C-alpha cells in the first residue's frame, strides 16, 4: 500500500474512533470494505459485542434490502425487455457495480475526516496515543 493510501486509511481509523458503532453499522450495511474496519478494531482491542451487534444488524438489513430490491429490479427488467431481458439486466447491474467500486476508491478519506470531524477529532486521536 502506498504511503499516501496509508495516510488516508489512518484518517478512516480516526473517523471510526469518533463514530464507533455507527461506522460499523454503515460499513456492514453498505458495500464498503468492512475488513478495513475490523482489522483496526482488532488491533485496538475493541470489545467484541460492541462490534458484533452493529455489524450483525447492518448485514441483516443489507441482505433484506438486496433481496427485495433484486426482486423489484428483476420485475422491472422483465416488464421493460420481456423474458429475454435477463442478460440486459445483468449487463446494467455489472456496469452500476463497476461505477460504485470506482467511486469507493476515489473517496479521499482525509478530506472526509477534515470536513466532518475537523480539528476536534484530530486532537482527540492524538491525545489517545
N, C-alpha and C. Protein backbone atom coordinates (compact mmCIF):
# COMPACT_ATOMS: atom_id res chain seq x y z
N UNK A 1 0.85 -1.17 0.00
CA UNK A 1 0.00 0.00 0.00
C UNK A 1 0.91 1.24 0.00
N UNK A 2 0.57 2.20 -0.83
CA UNK A 2 1.39 3.41 -0.92
C UNK A 2 1.29 4.22 0.37
N UNK A 3 2.28 5.08 0.56
CA UNK A 3 2.31 5.91 1.76
C UNK A 3 1.10 6.84 1.81
N UNK A 4 0.71 7.38 0.65
CA UNK A 4 -0.46 8.26 0.60
C UNK A 4 -1.73 7.50 0.99
N UNK A 5 -1.89 6.27 0.47
CA UNK A 5 -3.07 5.46 0.79
C UNK A 5 -3.08 5.11 2.29
N UNK A 6 -1.90 4.82 2.86
CA UNK A 6 -1.84 4.53 4.29
C UNK A 6 -2.26 5.74 5.10
N UNK A 7 -1.81 6.94 4.70
CA UNK A 7 -2.19 8.16 5.41
C UNK A 7 -3.70 8.35 5.35
N UNK A 8 -4.29 8.09 4.19
CA UNK A 8 -5.74 8.25 4.05
C UNK A 8 -6.48 7.22 4.89
N UNK A 9 -5.94 6.01 5.01
CA UNK A 9 -6.57 4.98 5.83
C UNK A 9 -6.47 5.32 7.31
N UNK A 10 -5.40 6.02 7.73
CA UNK A 10 -5.32 6.43 9.13
C UNK A 10 -6.43 7.41 9.46
N UNK A 11 -6.81 8.23 8.49
CA UNK A 11 -7.95 9.12 8.71
C UNK A 11 -9.24 8.33 8.84
N UNK A 12 -9.35 7.25 8.11
CA UNK A 12 -10.52 6.39 8.24
C UNK A 12 -10.60 5.83 9.66
N UNK A 13 -9.47 5.42 10.20
CA UNK A 13 -9.43 4.91 11.58
C UNK A 13 -9.80 6.02 12.56
N UNK A 14 -9.34 7.25 12.31
CA UNK A 14 -9.68 8.37 13.18
C UNK A 14 -11.19 8.65 13.15
N UNK A 15 -11.78 8.56 11.96
CA UNK A 15 -13.22 8.73 11.86
C UNK A 15 -13.92 7.66 12.69
N UNK A 16 -13.41 6.42 12.63
CA UNK A 16 -14.01 5.35 13.41
C UNK A 16 -13.91 5.63 14.90
N UNK A 17 -12.78 6.15 15.35
CA UNK A 17 -12.63 6.46 16.77
C UNK A 17 -13.74 7.38 17.25
N UNK A 18 -14.16 8.25 16.39
CA UNK A 18 -15.18 9.23 16.76
C UNK A 18 -16.60 8.66 16.69
N UNK A 19 -16.87 7.82 15.71
CA UNK A 19 -18.25 7.41 15.46
C UNK A 19 -18.53 5.93 15.71
N UNK A 20 -17.56 5.16 16.16
CA UNK A 20 -17.69 3.78 16.58
C UNK A 20 -18.78 2.92 15.99
N UNK A 21 -19.80 2.59 16.78
CA UNK A 21 -20.85 1.67 16.31
C UNK A 21 -21.59 2.14 15.06
N UNK A 22 -21.76 3.43 14.91
CA UNK A 22 -22.41 3.94 13.71
C UNK A 22 -21.57 3.61 12.47
N UNK A 23 -20.26 3.76 12.59
CA UNK A 23 -19.37 3.43 11.46
C UNK A 23 -19.45 1.94 11.14
N UNK A 24 -19.46 1.11 12.16
CA UNK A 24 -19.56 -0.34 11.95
C UNK A 24 -20.86 -0.67 11.23
N UNK A 25 -21.95 -0.09 11.70
CA UNK A 25 -23.26 -0.33 11.09
C UNK A 25 -23.27 0.09 9.62
N UNK A 26 -22.73 1.28 9.32
CA UNK A 26 -22.73 1.78 7.95
C UNK A 26 -21.86 0.90 7.06
N UNK A 27 -20.69 0.49 7.55
CA UNK A 27 -19.83 -0.38 6.76
C UNK A 27 -20.50 -1.73 6.52
N UNK A 28 -21.24 -2.23 7.49
CA UNK A 28 -21.92 -3.52 7.32
C UNK A 28 -23.12 -3.39 6.40
N UNK A 29 -23.79 -2.25 6.43
CA UNK A 29 -24.99 -2.04 5.62
C UNK A 29 -24.67 -1.78 4.15
N UNK A 30 -23.54 -1.19 3.88
CA UNK A 30 -23.17 -0.79 2.53
C UNK A 30 -22.07 -1.71 1.98
N UNK A 31 -21.75 -1.56 0.70
CA UNK A 31 -20.68 -2.38 0.15
C UNK A 31 -19.28 -1.88 0.48
N UNK A 32 -19.15 -0.99 1.46
CA UNK A 32 -17.82 -0.55 1.88
C UNK A 32 -17.03 -1.76 2.39
N UNK A 33 -15.73 -1.78 2.19
CA UNK A 33 -14.93 -2.94 2.61
C UNK A 33 -14.78 -2.98 4.14
N UNK A 34 -15.61 -3.77 4.80
CA UNK A 34 -15.60 -3.77 6.26
C UNK A 34 -14.36 -4.45 6.85
N UNK A 35 -13.59 -5.18 6.05
CA UNK A 35 -12.32 -5.71 6.56
C UNK A 35 -11.40 -4.58 6.96
N UNK A 36 -11.44 -3.48 6.24
CA UNK A 36 -10.62 -2.32 6.60
C UNK A 36 -11.00 -1.76 7.96
N UNK A 37 -12.20 -2.03 8.39
CA UNK A 37 -12.66 -1.54 9.67
C UNK A 37 -12.38 -2.55 10.78
N UNK A 38 -12.59 -3.84 10.51
CA UNK A 38 -12.45 -4.84 11.56
C UNK A 38 -11.00 -5.13 11.93
N UNK A 39 -10.06 -4.98 11.00
CA UNK A 39 -8.65 -5.19 11.34
C UNK A 39 -8.18 -4.16 12.36
N UNK A 40 -8.42 -2.85 12.12
CA UNK A 40 -8.05 -1.89 13.17
C UNK A 40 -8.80 -2.12 14.48
N UNK A 41 -10.04 -2.59 14.39
CA UNK A 41 -10.79 -2.87 15.63
C UNK A 41 -10.08 -3.93 16.45
N UNK A 42 -9.58 -4.95 15.78
CA UNK A 42 -8.85 -6.00 16.49
C UNK A 42 -7.58 -5.46 17.12
N UNK A 43 -6.88 -4.62 16.39
CA UNK A 43 -5.64 -4.03 16.92
C UNK A 43 -5.95 -3.13 18.11
N UNK A 44 -7.06 -2.41 18.04
CA UNK A 44 -7.47 -1.53 19.14
C UNK A 44 -8.11 -2.28 20.30
N UNK A 45 -8.27 -3.59 20.15
CA UNK A 45 -8.92 -4.44 21.17
C UNK A 45 -10.33 -3.93 21.51
N UNK A 46 -11.04 -3.56 20.46
CA UNK A 46 -12.42 -3.10 20.62
C UNK A 46 -13.26 -4.27 21.11
N UNK A 47 -14.17 -4.02 22.01
CA UNK A 47 -14.98 -5.10 22.58
C UNK A 47 -15.79 -5.80 21.49
N UNK A 48 -15.79 -7.13 21.54
CA UNK A 48 -16.43 -7.95 20.52
C UNK A 48 -17.90 -7.60 20.34
N UNK A 49 -18.64 -7.54 21.43
CA UNK A 49 -20.08 -7.31 21.32
C UNK A 49 -20.39 -5.91 20.78
N UNK A 50 -19.52 -4.93 21.04
CA UNK A 50 -19.73 -3.58 20.52
C UNK A 50 -19.56 -3.54 19.00
N UNK A 51 -18.77 -4.45 18.46
CA UNK A 51 -18.59 -4.52 17.02
C UNK A 51 -19.58 -5.50 16.39
N UNK A 52 -19.86 -6.59 17.08
CA UNK A 52 -20.69 -7.66 16.51
C UNK A 52 -22.14 -7.23 16.32
N UNK A 53 -22.73 -6.59 17.31
CA UNK A 53 -24.15 -6.23 17.24
C UNK A 53 -24.44 -5.26 16.10
N UNK A 54 -23.71 -4.12 15.98
CA UNK A 54 -23.98 -3.24 14.82
C UNK A 54 -23.67 -3.91 13.48
N UNK A 55 -22.64 -4.76 13.45
CA UNK A 55 -22.30 -5.45 12.19
C UNK A 55 -23.40 -6.43 11.81
N UNK A 56 -23.91 -7.17 12.77
CA UNK A 56 -24.98 -8.13 12.51
C UNK A 56 -26.24 -7.43 12.02
N UNK A 57 -26.62 -6.35 12.69
CA UNK A 57 -27.82 -5.62 12.28
C UNK A 57 -27.62 -5.05 10.87
N UNK A 58 -26.45 -4.48 10.59
CA UNK A 58 -26.17 -3.92 9.28
C UNK A 58 -26.20 -4.96 8.18
N UNK A 59 -25.60 -6.14 8.42
CA UNK A 59 -25.57 -7.20 7.40
C UNK A 59 -26.97 -7.76 7.15
N UNK A 60 -27.75 -7.94 8.21
CA UNK A 60 -29.11 -8.47 8.04
C UNK A 60 -29.96 -7.48 7.24
N UNK A 61 -29.86 -6.19 7.56
CA UNK A 61 -30.61 -5.19 6.79
C UNK A 61 -30.14 -5.12 5.35
N UNK A 62 -28.81 -5.23 5.13
CA UNK A 62 -28.29 -5.21 3.76
C UNK A 62 -28.86 -6.37 2.96
N UNK A 63 -28.88 -7.55 3.52
CA UNK A 63 -29.40 -8.72 2.83
C UNK A 63 -30.90 -8.53 2.54
N UNK A 64 -31.63 -8.01 3.51
CA UNK A 64 -33.06 -7.76 3.32
C UNK A 64 -33.28 -6.80 2.15
N UNK A 65 -32.53 -5.69 2.13
CA UNK A 65 -32.67 -4.72 1.04
C UNK A 65 -32.26 -5.32 -0.30
N UNK A 66 -31.18 -6.06 -0.32
CA UNK A 66 -30.71 -6.64 -1.58
C UNK A 66 -31.71 -7.63 -2.16
N UNK A 67 -32.26 -8.46 -1.31
CA UNK A 67 -33.25 -9.44 -1.78
C UNK A 67 -34.48 -8.73 -2.34
N UNK A 68 -34.99 -7.78 -1.61
CA UNK A 68 -36.20 -7.08 -2.07
C UNK A 68 -35.94 -6.21 -3.28
N UNK A 69 -34.83 -5.46 -3.27
CA UNK A 69 -34.52 -4.63 -4.43
C UNK A 69 -34.18 -5.48 -5.64
N UNK A 70 -33.54 -6.62 -5.44
CA UNK A 70 -33.26 -7.53 -6.56
C UNK A 70 -34.53 -8.04 -7.20
N UNK A 71 -35.52 -8.36 -6.40
CA UNK A 71 -36.81 -8.81 -6.92
C UNK A 71 -37.49 -7.70 -7.71
N UNK A 72 -37.48 -6.49 -7.15
CA UNK A 72 -38.10 -5.35 -7.84
C UNK A 72 -37.36 -5.07 -9.15
N UNK A 73 -36.01 -5.05 -9.10
CA UNK A 73 -35.20 -4.80 -10.31
C UNK A 73 -35.48 -5.85 -11.38
N UNK A 74 -35.55 -7.11 -10.97
CA UNK A 74 -35.86 -8.18 -11.92
C UNK A 74 -37.22 -8.00 -12.56
N UNK A 75 -38.21 -7.63 -11.77
CA UNK A 75 -39.55 -7.39 -12.31
C UNK A 75 -39.57 -6.23 -13.30
N UNK A 76 -38.80 -5.17 -13.00
CA UNK A 76 -38.73 -4.02 -13.90
C UNK A 76 -38.08 -4.42 -15.22
N UNK A 77 -36.99 -5.17 -15.16
CA UNK A 77 -36.29 -5.60 -16.38
C UNK A 77 -37.20 -6.47 -17.24
N UNK A 78 -37.91 -7.41 -16.62
CA UNK A 78 -38.83 -8.28 -17.37
C UNK A 78 -39.97 -7.45 -17.95
N UNK A 79 -40.45 -6.47 -17.21
CA UNK A 79 -41.53 -5.61 -17.70
C UNK A 79 -41.08 -4.80 -18.92
N UNK A 80 -39.87 -4.27 -18.87
CA UNK A 80 -39.37 -3.43 -19.96
C UNK A 80 -38.91 -4.26 -21.16
N UNK A 81 -38.11 -5.31 -20.92
CA UNK A 81 -37.48 -6.05 -22.01
C UNK A 81 -38.08 -7.42 -22.28
N UNK A 82 -39.04 -7.81 -21.51
CA UNK A 82 -39.64 -9.14 -21.69
C UNK A 82 -38.77 -10.20 -21.03
N UNK A 83 -39.06 -11.46 -21.30
CA UNK A 83 -38.34 -12.56 -20.66
C UNK A 83 -36.86 -12.62 -21.07
N UNK A 84 -36.52 -12.07 -22.24
CA UNK A 84 -35.12 -12.08 -22.69
C UNK A 84 -34.31 -10.96 -22.06
N UNK A 85 -34.89 -10.20 -21.18
CA UNK A 85 -34.22 -9.05 -20.58
C UNK A 85 -33.25 -9.39 -19.47
N UNK A 86 -33.13 -10.66 -19.12
CA UNK A 86 -32.22 -11.02 -18.03
C UNK A 86 -30.78 -10.68 -18.36
N UNK A 87 -30.36 -10.87 -19.59
CA UNK A 87 -29.00 -10.53 -20.00
C UNK A 87 -28.78 -9.02 -19.92
N UNK A 88 -29.74 -8.26 -20.36
CA UNK A 88 -29.65 -6.80 -20.30
C UNK A 88 -29.56 -6.35 -18.84
N UNK A 89 -30.34 -6.96 -17.98
CA UNK A 89 -30.31 -6.64 -16.56
C UNK A 89 -28.96 -6.94 -15.94
N UNK A 90 -28.35 -8.06 -16.34
CA UNK A 90 -27.03 -8.41 -15.81
C UNK A 90 -25.99 -7.41 -16.26
N UNK A 91 -26.03 -6.99 -17.51
CA UNK A 91 -25.06 -6.01 -18.02
C UNK A 91 -25.22 -4.68 -17.31
N UNK A 92 -26.45 -4.20 -17.17
CA UNK A 92 -26.70 -2.93 -16.48
C UNK A 92 -26.23 -3.01 -15.03
N UNK A 93 -26.51 -4.11 -14.36
CA UNK A 93 -26.09 -4.29 -12.98
C UNK A 93 -24.57 -4.31 -12.87
N UNK A 94 -23.89 -4.99 -13.78
CA UNK A 94 -22.43 -5.03 -13.76
C UNK A 94 -21.84 -3.64 -13.96
N UNK A 95 -22.40 -2.87 -14.86
CA UNK A 95 -21.91 -1.50 -15.09
C UNK A 95 -22.10 -0.65 -13.84
N UNK A 96 -23.25 -0.75 -13.22
CA UNK A 96 -23.50 0.01 -11.98
C UNK A 96 -22.54 -0.41 -10.87
N UNK A 97 -22.23 -1.70 -10.77
CA UNK A 97 -21.30 -2.19 -9.77
C UNK A 97 -19.90 -1.61 -9.98
N UNK A 98 -19.45 -1.58 -11.22
CA UNK A 98 -18.14 -1.00 -11.54
C UNK A 98 -18.11 0.47 -11.15
N UNK A 99 -19.18 1.21 -11.43
CA UNK A 99 -19.25 2.62 -11.07
C UNK A 99 -19.16 2.81 -9.57
N UNK A 100 -19.85 1.99 -8.79
CA UNK A 100 -19.80 2.08 -7.33
C UNK A 100 -18.40 1.77 -6.82
N UNK A 101 -17.76 0.75 -7.33
CA UNK A 101 -16.42 0.39 -6.88
C UNK A 101 -15.43 1.51 -7.19
N UNK A 102 -15.50 2.08 -8.38
CA UNK A 102 -14.62 3.18 -8.74
C UNK A 102 -14.85 4.37 -7.80
N UNK A 103 -16.11 4.66 -7.51
CA UNK A 103 -16.42 5.77 -6.60
C UNK A 103 -15.84 5.52 -5.21
N UNK A 104 -15.90 4.28 -4.71
CA UNK A 104 -15.36 3.98 -3.40
C UNK A 104 -13.86 4.20 -3.33
N UNK A 105 -13.15 3.85 -4.38
CA UNK A 105 -11.70 4.04 -4.38
C UNK A 105 -11.30 5.50 -4.60
N UNK A 106 -12.19 6.30 -5.12
CA UNK A 106 -11.88 7.71 -5.37
C UNK A 106 -12.14 8.59 -4.14
N UNK A 107 -12.78 8.05 -3.12
CA UNK A 107 -13.07 8.85 -1.92
C UNK A 107 -11.76 9.21 -1.24
N UNK A 108 -11.59 10.46 -0.94
CA UNK A 108 -10.41 10.93 -0.21
C UNK A 108 -10.79 10.98 1.27
N UNK A 109 -10.41 9.94 2.02
CA UNK A 109 -10.82 9.83 3.42
C UNK A 109 -10.28 10.97 4.27
N UNK A 110 -9.14 11.51 3.87
CA UNK A 110 -8.57 12.64 4.59
C UNK A 110 -9.50 13.85 4.52
N UNK A 111 -10.03 14.14 3.34
CA UNK A 111 -10.96 15.26 3.18
C UNK A 111 -12.26 15.02 3.92
N UNK A 112 -12.75 13.77 3.88
CA UNK A 112 -13.99 13.44 4.60
C UNK A 112 -13.79 13.66 6.09
N UNK A 113 -12.65 13.22 6.60
CA UNK A 113 -12.35 13.39 8.03
C UNK A 113 -12.31 14.87 8.38
N UNK A 114 -11.59 15.65 7.60
CA UNK A 114 -11.45 17.07 7.90
C UNK A 114 -12.78 17.80 7.79
N UNK A 115 -13.62 17.40 6.88
CA UNK A 115 -14.91 18.07 6.71
C UNK A 115 -15.86 17.77 7.87
N UNK A 116 -15.94 16.51 8.29
CA UNK A 116 -16.95 16.13 9.28
C UNK A 116 -16.45 16.06 10.71
N UNK A 117 -15.17 15.84 10.90
CA UNK A 117 -14.64 15.74 12.26
C UNK A 117 -13.79 16.94 12.59
N UNK A 118 -12.93 17.34 11.67
CA UNK A 118 -12.12 18.53 11.84
C UNK A 118 -11.05 18.38 12.90
N UNK A 119 -10.63 19.49 13.44
CA UNK A 119 -9.53 19.52 14.39
C UNK A 119 -9.90 18.86 15.72
N UNK A 120 -11.17 18.90 16.10
CA UNK A 120 -11.58 18.27 17.36
C UNK A 120 -11.20 16.80 17.38
N UNK A 121 -11.52 16.08 16.30
CA UNK A 121 -11.20 14.66 16.22
C UNK A 121 -9.71 14.42 16.15
N UNK A 122 -8.99 15.31 15.47
CA UNK A 122 -7.53 15.20 15.35
C UNK A 122 -6.89 15.29 16.73
N UNK A 123 -7.31 16.27 17.54
CA UNK A 123 -6.75 16.44 18.88
C UNK A 123 -7.11 15.27 19.77
N UNK A 124 -8.34 14.78 19.66
CA UNK A 124 -8.78 13.66 20.48
C UNK A 124 -7.97 12.41 20.17
N UNK A 125 -7.73 12.13 18.88
CA UNK A 125 -6.99 10.96 18.48
C UNK A 125 -5.53 11.08 18.93
N UNK A 126 -4.93 12.26 18.74
CA UNK A 126 -3.55 12.45 19.16
C UNK A 126 -3.42 12.33 20.68
N UNK A 127 -4.42 12.74 21.42
CA UNK A 127 -4.40 12.63 22.89
C UNK A 127 -4.46 11.19 23.36
N UNK A 128 -5.01 10.28 22.55
CA UNK A 128 -5.12 8.87 22.93
C UNK A 128 -3.84 8.09 22.71
N UNK A 129 -2.87 8.65 22.01
CA UNK A 129 -1.62 7.92 21.71
C UNK A 129 -0.74 7.80 22.89
